[in-house]
Amino acid sequence: MSDQTTDTDKKPAAPGRAQIPAMQRILDNPFLLLFLGIAIPTVLYTVWGVMEVVSVPIAD
């Protein structure tokens, strides 16, 4: 027996049902969109704030 799979071992897609694209699955999930809508601005503003603090010259 062989450990290799062949094309005949794979299940064909059900007729009439196409696989849902990944981007559509992401955009159809309201909780994921809520999380991304909070997480992305938080990360961006945090990075922006750190860059601003680092760019302040040291006082003599």
C-alpha atoms as a PDB file:
ATOM      1  CA  MET A   1       0.000   0.000   0.000  1.00  0.00           C
ATOM      2  CA  SER A   2       1.138   3.513  -0.776  1.00  0.00           C
ATOM      3  CA  ASP A   3       0.977   6.599   1.443  1.00  0.00           C
ATOM      4  CA  GLN A   4       0.603   8.841  -1.575  1.00  0.00           C
ATOM      5  CA  THR A   5      -2.810  10.184  -2.458  1.00  0.00           C
ATOM      6  CA  THR A   6      -4.082  10.329  -5.981  1.00  0.00           C
ATOM      7  CA  ASP A   7      -6.683  12.486  -7.658  1.00  0.00           C
ATOM      8  CA  THR A   8      -9.196   9.652  -7.335  1.00  0.00           C
ATOM      9  CA  ASP A   9      -8.862   9.709  -3.518  1.00  0.00           C
ATOM     10  CA  LYS A  10     -10.070  13.299  -3.263  1.00  0.00           C
ATOM     11  CA  LYS A  11     -13.756  13.989  -2.804  1.00  0.00           C
ATOM     12  CA  PRO A  12     -15.261  16.028  -5.607  1.00  0.00           C
ATOM     13  CA  ALA A  13     -17.189  19.167  -4.714  1.00  0.00           C
ATOM     14  CA  ALA A  14     -20.921  18.692  -4.414  1.00  0.00           C
ATOM     15  CA  PRO A  15     -22.640  19.583  -7.676  1.00  0.00           C
ATOM     16  CA  GLY A  16     -24.317  22.973  -7.575  1.00  0.00           C
ATOM     17  CA  ARG A  17     -22.404  24.146  -4.473  1.00  0.00           C
ATOM     18  CA  ALA A  18     -19.379  26.291  -5.056  1.00  0.00           C
ATOM     19  CA  GLN A  19     -16.847  26.873  -2.317  1.00  0.00           C
ATOM     20  CA  ILE A  20     -17.363  30.253  -0.612  1.00  0.00           C
ATOM     21  CA  PRO A  21     -14.357  32.527  -1.171  1.00  0.00           C
ATOM     22  CA  ALA A  22     -12.287  33.408   1.908  1.00  0.00           C
ATOM     23  CA  MET A  23     -12.861  37.168   1.608  1.00  0.00           C
ATOM     24  CA  GLN A  24     -16.633  36.679   1.506  1.00  0.00           C
ATOM     25  CA  ARG A  25     -16.485  34.484   4.622  1.00  0.00           C
ATOM     26  CA  ILE A  26     -14.510  37.224   6.411  1.00  0.00           C
ATOM     27  CA  LEU A  27     -16.888  39.989   5.355  1.00  0.00           C
ATOM     28  CA  ASP A  28     -19.947  37.932   6.322  1.00  0.00           C
ATOM     29  CA  ASN A  29     -18.738  37.510   9.920  1.00  0.00           C
ATOM     30  CA  PRO A  30     -19.876  40.553  11.977  1.00  0.00           C
ATOM     31  CA  PHE A  31     -17.869  39.607  15.084  1.00  0.00           C
ATOM     32  CA  LEU A  32     -14.660  39.328  13.087  1.00  0.00           C
ATOM     33  CA  LEU A  33     -15.358  42.706  11.496  1.00  0.00           C
ATOM     34  CA  LEU A  34     -16.005  44.205  14.945  1.00  0.00           C
ATOM     35  CA  PHE A  35     -12.740  42.773  16.255  1.00  0.00           C
ATOM     36  CA  LEU A  36     -10.774  44.021  13.235  1.00  0.00           C
ATOM     37  CA  GLY A  37     -12.442  47.435  13.456  1.00  0.00           C
ATOM     38  CA  ILE A  38     -11.225  47.808  17.029  1.00  0.00           C
ATOM     39  CA  ALA A  39      -7.871  46.020  16.814  1.00  0.00           C
ATOM     40  CA  ILE A  40      -6.450  47.638  13.669  1.00  0.00           C
ATOM     41  CA  PRO A  41      -6.939  51.292  14.768  1.00  0.00           C
ATOM     42  CA  THR A  42      -5.664  50.411  18.255  1.00  0.00           C
ATOM     43  CA  VAL A  43      -2.460  48.913  16.871  1.00  0.00           C
ATOM     44  CA  LEU A  44      -1.953  51.729  14.357  1.00  0.00           C
ATOM     45  CA  TYR A  45      -2.494  54.522  16.911  1.00  0.00           C
ATOM     46  CA  THR A  46      -0.219  52.750  19.412  1.00  0.00           C
ATOM     47  CA  VAL A  47       2.570  52.455  16.828  1.00  0.00           C
ATOM     48  CA  TRP A  48       2.019  56.075  15.792  1.00  0.00           C
ATOM     49  CA  GLY A  49       2.192  57.208  19.429  1.00  0.00           C
ATOM     50  CA  VAL A  50       5.401  55.269  20.067  1.00  0.00           C
ATOM     51  CA  MET A  51       6.954  56.794  16.941  1.00  0.00           C
ATOM     52  CA  GLU A  52       5.972  60.282  18.152  1.00  0.00           C
ATOM     53  CA  VAL A  53       7.451  59.713  21.607  1.00  0.00           C
ATOM     54  CA  VAL A  54      10.693  58.331  20.160  1.00  0.00           C
ATOM     55  CA  SER A  55      11.019  61.313  17.816  1.00  0.00           C
ATOM     56  CA  VAL A  56      10.893  63.891  20.678  1.00  0.00           C
ATOM     57  CA  PRO A  57      14.396  65.275  21.198  1.00  0.00           C
ATOM     58  CA  ILE A  58      16.031  64.752  24.574  1.00  0.00           C
ATOM     59  CA  ALA A  59      16.124  67.936  26.688  1.00  0.00           C
ATOM     60  CA  ASP A  60      19.535  69.234  27.751  1.00  0.00           C
END
